Protein backbone atom coordinates (compact mmCIF):
# COMPACT_ATOMS: atom_id res chain seq x y z
CA MET A 1 -74.72 31.47 -18.63
CA PRO A 2 -72.55 29.00 -20.63
CA LYS A 3 -71.24 25.99 -18.95
CA TYR A 4 -67.60 27.42 -18.99
CA VAL A 5 -65.87 30.39 -19.66
CA THR A 6 -63.32 30.21 -22.54
CA LYS A 7 -60.32 32.35 -22.66
CA GLN A 8 -61.57 34.12 -25.87
CA ARG A 9 -64.87 34.97 -23.97
CA ARG A 10 -62.75 35.94 -20.86
CA SER A 11 -60.66 38.44 -23.01
CA LEU A 12 -63.72 39.85 -24.82
CA LEU A 13 -65.41 40.12 -21.58
CA GLY A 14 -62.50 42.27 -19.89
CA TYR A 15 -62.13 44.45 -22.95
CA LEU A 16 -65.97 45.31 -23.24
CA ALA A 17 -65.79 46.14 -19.42
CA SER A 18 -62.82 48.34 -19.83
CA HIS A 19 -64.82 50.08 -22.54
CA ALA A 20 -67.92 50.38 -21.10
CA ASP A 21 -68.79 53.75 -21.90
CA GLU A 22 -68.13 53.29 -25.48
CA SER A 23 -70.34 51.65 -28.48
CA LEU A 24 -67.69 49.46 -30.54
CA SER A 25 -68.62 47.37 -33.66
CA ALA A 26 -67.60 43.87 -33.80
CA GLN A 27 -64.81 44.40 -36.24
CA GLN A 28 -63.29 47.22 -34.05
CA ILE A 29 -63.62 44.81 -31.14
CA ALA A 30 -61.94 41.83 -33.05
CA GLU A 31 -59.22 44.09 -34.41
CA ALA A 32 -58.53 45.35 -30.88
CA LEU A 33 -58.37 41.74 -29.38
CA SER A 34 -56.57 39.84 -32.32
CA ASP A 35 -53.18 39.92 -30.56
CA SER A 36 -54.81 37.93 -27.49
CA GLY A 37 -55.91 35.48 -29.97
CA VAL A 38 -59.33 35.97 -30.16
CA SER A 39 -60.89 35.13 -33.76
CA VAL A 40 -63.33 37.53 -35.41
CA SER A 41 -65.92 34.52 -35.51
CA ALA A 42 -65.42 33.94 -31.66
CA VAL A 43 -66.32 37.92 -31.15
CA TYR A 44 -69.16 37.52 -33.32
CA ARG A 45 -70.60 34.32 -31.53
CA ASN A 46 -69.80 35.72 -28.13
CA LEU A 47 -71.39 39.28 -28.84
CA THR A 48 -74.71 37.12 -30.02
CA GLU A 49 -74.87 34.87 -26.69
CA LEU A 50 -73.79 38.19 -24.43
CA GLU A 51 -76.58 40.06 -26.06
CA ASN A 52 -78.80 36.90 -25.23
CA GLU A 53 -77.71 36.95 -21.85
CA GLY A 54 -78.50 40.61 -21.30
CA LYS A 55 -74.67 41.54 -20.78
CA VAL A 56 -74.41 43.43 -24.23
CA ARG A 57 -76.94 45.84 -25.82
CA ARG A 58 -76.86 46.17 -29.80
CA VAL A 59 -77.10 50.06 -30.77
CA LYS A 60 -77.74 51.19 -34.25
CA GLY A 61 -74.72 53.35 -35.79
CA GLY A 62 -74.84 55.70 -38.71
CA GLY A 63 -75.56 53.75 -41.92
CA ARG A 64 -75.73 49.96 -41.57
CA GLU A 65 -72.87 49.54 -38.83
CA VAL A 66 -74.20 47.75 -35.84
CA TYR A 67 -72.37 48.60 -32.43
CA TYR A 68 -72.36 47.01 -29.19
CA GLN A 69 -72.13 48.45 -25.73
CA TYR A 70 -71.37 46.28 -22.44
CA ALA A 71 -74.76 46.42 -20.28
CA ALA A 72 -73.31 44.93 -17.40
CA ALA A 73 -71.45 47.55 -16.16
CA GLU A 74 -72.68 48.56 -12.60
CA GLY A 75 -72.75 52.25 -13.69
CA CYS A 76 -74.61 52.20 -16.71
CA ARG A 77 -77.81 50.35 -15.18
CA ALA A 78 -79.48 53.58 -13.90
CA CYS A 79 -78.55 55.70 -17.09
CA LEU A 80 -79.97 56.90 -20.10
CA HIS A 81 -77.71 56.67 -22.80
CA MET A 82 -77.47 58.80 -26.00
CA ALA A 83 -76.05 57.29 -29.57
CA CYS A 84 -74.45 59.52 -31.93
CA LYS A 85 -75.94 58.10 -35.29
CA VAL A 86 -72.91 59.60 -37.24
CA CYS A 87 -69.78 58.50 -35.06
CA GLY A 88 -71.47 55.72 -33.39
CA ARG A 89 -70.34 56.79 -29.96
CA THR A 90 -72.71 56.20 -26.74
CA PHE A 91 -72.80 58.63 -23.91
CA HIS A 92 -74.36 58.77 -20.31
CA MET A 93 -77.01 61.32 -20.57
CA GLY A 94 -76.66 63.36 -17.30
CA MET A 95 -78.53 62.57 -14.31
CA LEU A 96 -80.27 65.76 -14.09
CA ALA A 97 -81.70 65.73 -17.68
CA ALA A 98 -82.33 62.28 -17.52
CA ASP A 99 -84.53 62.40 -14.17
CA THR A 100 -86.34 65.42 -15.94
CA LEU A 101 -87.00 63.55 -19.00
CA VAL A 102 -88.24 60.45 -17.27
CA ASN A 103 -90.25 62.32 -14.81
CA SER A 104 -91.84 64.15 -17.47
CA VAL A 105 -92.67 61.23 -19.88
CA GLU A 106 -94.04 59.61 -16.77
CA ARG A 107 -95.98 62.72 -15.82
CA GLU A 108 -97.38 63.56 -19.10
CA GLU A 109 -97.57 60.46 -20.78
CA HIS A 110 -98.19 58.14 -17.94
CA PHE A 111 -95.59 55.84 -19.58
CA GLN A 112 -92.34 54.54 -17.60
CA ILE A 113 -88.85 54.43 -19.46
CA ASP A 114 -86.97 51.50 -18.80
CA ARG A 115 -83.72 53.28 -17.93
CA GLU A 116 -81.59 50.29 -18.62
CA ASP A 117 -82.81 49.21 -21.87
CA THR A 118 -83.14 53.01 -23.26
CA VAL A 119 -81.02 54.66 -26.02
CA ILE A 120 -81.83 57.98 -27.57
CA TYR A 121 -80.49 58.51 -30.98
CA GLY A 122 -79.28 61.74 -32.41
CA VAL A 123 -75.83 63.76 -33.36
CA CYS A 124 -73.40 64.25 -30.64
CA GLY A 125 -71.99 67.87 -30.58
CA ASN A 126 -68.50 66.65 -31.82
CA CYS A 127 -70.07 65.79 -35.00
CA ARG A 128 -72.52 68.43 -35.27
CA GLN A 129 -69.37 71.12 -35.00
CA HIS A 130 -67.63 69.14 -37.81
CA GLY A 131 -70.64 68.99 -40.31
CA GLY A 132 -72.53 66.03 -39.34
CA ASP A 133 -75.81 67.62 -38.16
CA SER A 134 -78.21 66.02 -40.29
CA VAL A 135 -80.30 63.04 -38.28
């Protein structure tokens, strides 16, 4: 934890917390916070620090784009996440499906999945409907 929390860091944390179910690029975050006086360099610097602290998770999107998701949200801790490789959005997997998958892997493979740090990549229904179904 940093020794003190800057105004820029508070703005960034507030923004990420209010968009906890989304994966956002650093550029998207910087654009959203530009009116708050948060610089692009502050966004990148703080995202790196937050990732090291476990408060933000890095999610690879389509192509070379990297997205970030707020991981400190209480509602995300027990969820598996699904990330679309086309649009970059991240979704919570339904609890029934997640429990079925986790239990099946544990039973069949003798492997325990870390729900807090697992992202399943694929293509969301919306992108598949619009022709982005190649993974």
